[in-house]
Amino acid sequence: MRTRPPAFARPRRGLSIVEVLVALVLVAVGLLGMAGSTTLALRTTFDAQRRREAVHRVESRFASLSAAGCSHAAGGSSTDSARRLHEVWAVHSPAGGFVTISDSVHWMTAQGARSLAITSAILC
């Protein structure tokens, strides 16, 4: 007659509850890391898009003031409430055959207020 070895002496099959819990914790940490990276990438992309839009507005403003000529160039401001952008430009009197233009664009992000300021000149 054969006798069965005790249960604790038999080879183990499957996973213990501790191993399953450790695996679940590791998977959860990995998923949280991926979610954090995605959030950071989206925030960076949104900020870059706003900066690109601000630079485009400044370039357009400089082009329109340059096309108007030195005598018609004047300062002003513009607000785009849909995009939450505010632009202010100033034209400084001609000196030495050119007019200096300062343009700044302000916008809000989740981290707070951001702005971009660029100065250029128009030959008279």
Protein backbone atom coordinates (compact mmCIF):
# COMPACT_ATOMS: atom_id res chain seq x y z
CA MET A 1 0.00 0.00 0.00
CA ARG A 2 1.24 3.43 -0.94
CA THR A 3 1.06 6.22 1.51
CA ARG A 4 0.53 9.81 0.49
CA PRO A 5 3.11 12.34 1.54
CA PRO A 6 1.82 15.12 3.76
CA ALA A 7 0.34 18.19 2.01
CA PHE A 8 3.23 20.45 2.96
CA ALA A 9 5.75 18.08 1.38
CA ARG A 10 4.04 17.99 -2.04
CA PRO A 11 5.34 20.23 -4.83
CA ARG A 12 3.44 23.47 -5.00
CA ARG A 13 1.30 24.35 -8.03
CA GLY A 14 0.02 27.84 -8.93
CA LEU A 15 0.65 31.17 -7.28
CA SER A 16 0.21 32.22 -3.72
CA ILE A 17 -1.96 35.19 -2.80
CA VAL A 18 1.14 37.19 -1.81
CA GLU A 19 2.69 36.72 -5.26
CA VAL A 20 -0.55 37.81 -6.93
CA LEU A 21 -0.80 40.92 -4.73
CA VAL A 22 2.83 41.89 -5.43
CA ALA A 23 2.22 41.50 -9.17
CA LEU A 24 -0.91 43.66 -8.95
CA VAL A 25 0.97 46.39 -7.07
CA LEU A 26 3.74 46.40 -9.70
CA VAL A 27 1.21 46.65 -12.54
CA ALA A 28 -0.63 49.48 -10.74
CA VAL A 29 2.61 51.44 -10.22
CA GLY A 30 3.46 51.00 -13.89
CA LEU A 31 0.03 52.21 -15.01
CA LEU A 32 0.23 55.24 -12.70
CA GLY A 33 3.64 56.09 -14.16
CA MET A 34 2.25 55.90 -17.69
CA ALA A 35 -0.71 58.12 -16.74
CA GLY A 36 1.65 60.70 -15.20
CA SER A 37 3.84 60.72 -18.30
CA THR A 38 0.81 61.17 -20.54
CA THR A 39 -0.42 64.10 -18.44
CA LEU A 40 2.99 65.77 -18.61
CA ALA A 41 3.18 65.24 -22.38
CA LEU A 42 -0.28 66.76 -22.89
CA ARG A 43 0.56 69.76 -20.71
CA THR A 44 3.83 70.34 -22.60
CA THR A 45 2.07 70.03 -25.95
CA PHE A 46 -0.62 72.52 -24.92
CA ASP A 47 2.01 75.01 -23.70
CA ALA A 48 3.99 74.67 -26.94
CA GLN A 49 0.82 75.23 -28.96
CA ARG A 50 0.05 78.43 -27.02
CA ARG A 51 3.62 79.70 -27.48
CA ARG A 52 3.47 78.96 -31.21
CA GLU A 53 0.17 80.84 -31.42
CA ALA A 54 1.66 83.80 -29.53
CA VAL A 55 4.68 83.94 -31.86
CA HIS A 56 2.36 83.79 -34.87
CA ARG A 57 0.32 86.73 -33.51
CA VAL A 58 3.48 88.78 -32.93
CA GLU A 59 4.78 88.00 -36.42
CA SER A 60 1.43 88.99 -37.94
CA ARG A 61 1.37 92.23 -35.94
CA PHE A 62 4.91 93.13 -37.04
CA ALA A 63 4.02 92.39 -40.67
CA SER A 64 0.86 94.52 -40.60
CA LEU A 65 2.62 97.45 -38.91
CA SER A 66 5.51 97.19 -41.34
CA ALA A 67 3.11 97.18 -44.30
CA ALA A 68 1.37 100.30 -42.94
CA GLY A 69 4.67 102.17 -42.85
CA CYS A 70 6.34 104.25 -40.17
CA SER A 71 3.91 107.16 -40.33
CA HIS A 72 0.82 104.96 -39.80
CA ALA A 73 2.27 102.55 -37.21
CA ALA A 74 0.50 102.95 -33.86
CA GLY A 75 0.29 101.03 -30.60
CA GLY A 76 -2.78 99.20 -29.35
CA SER A 77 -4.14 96.06 -27.77
CA SER A 78 -6.24 93.07 -28.71
CA THR A 79 -8.03 90.38 -26.71
CA ASP A 80 -9.14 86.97 -27.95
CA SER A 81 -11.49 85.78 -25.21
CA ALA A 82 -12.17 82.46 -26.93
CA ARG A 83 -8.48 81.54 -26.71
CA ARG A 84 -7.84 83.58 -23.55
CA LEU A 85 -5.04 85.58 -25.17
CA HIS A 86 -4.30 89.27 -24.64
CA GLU A 87 -1.88 91.17 -26.88
CA VAL A 88 -0.41 94.63 -26.29
CA TRP A 89 1.92 96.42 -28.71
CA ALA A 90 3.65 99.77 -28.55
CA VAL A 91 5.33 101.78 -31.29
CA HIS A 92 8.22 103.98 -30.18
CA SER A 93 9.02 107.16 -32.08
CA PRO A 94 11.42 107.04 -35.00
CA ALA A 95 15.06 107.42 -34.18
CA GLY A 96 17.84 107.04 -36.69
CA GLY A 97 15.59 106.01 -39.56
CA PHE A 98 13.61 103.24 -37.87
CA VAL A 99 10.63 102.72 -35.53
CA THR A 100 10.87 100.29 -32.61
CA ILE A 101 7.89 98.01 -31.95
CA SER A 102 7.39 96.09 -28.68
CA ASP A 103 4.73 93.38 -28.68
CA SER A 104 3.70 91.12 -25.79
CA VAL A 105 1.13 88.34 -25.66
CA HIS A 106 -0.28 87.05 -22.35
CA TRP A 107 -2.28 83.84 -21.76
CA MET A 108 -3.37 81.61 -18.89
CA THR A 109 -2.35 77.99 -18.33
CA ALA A 110 -3.00 75.49 -15.56
CA GLN A 111 0.32 76.58 -13.99
CA GLY A 112 -0.61 80.29 -14.09
CA ALA A 113 -0.06 83.29 -16.34
CA ARG A 114 2.43 83.07 -19.19
CA SER A 115 3.67 85.76 -21.54
CA LEU A 116 5.88 86.30 -24.56
CA ALA A 117 7.48 89.67 -25.35
CA ILE A 118 9.35 90.47 -28.59
CA THR A 119 10.81 93.74 -29.83
CA SER A 120 11.56 94.54 -33.47
CA ALA A 121 12.16 97.55 -35.72
CA ILE A 122 10.77 98.90 -38.99
CA LEU A 123 12.99 100.84 -41.37
CA CYS A 124 11.48 104.17 -42.39
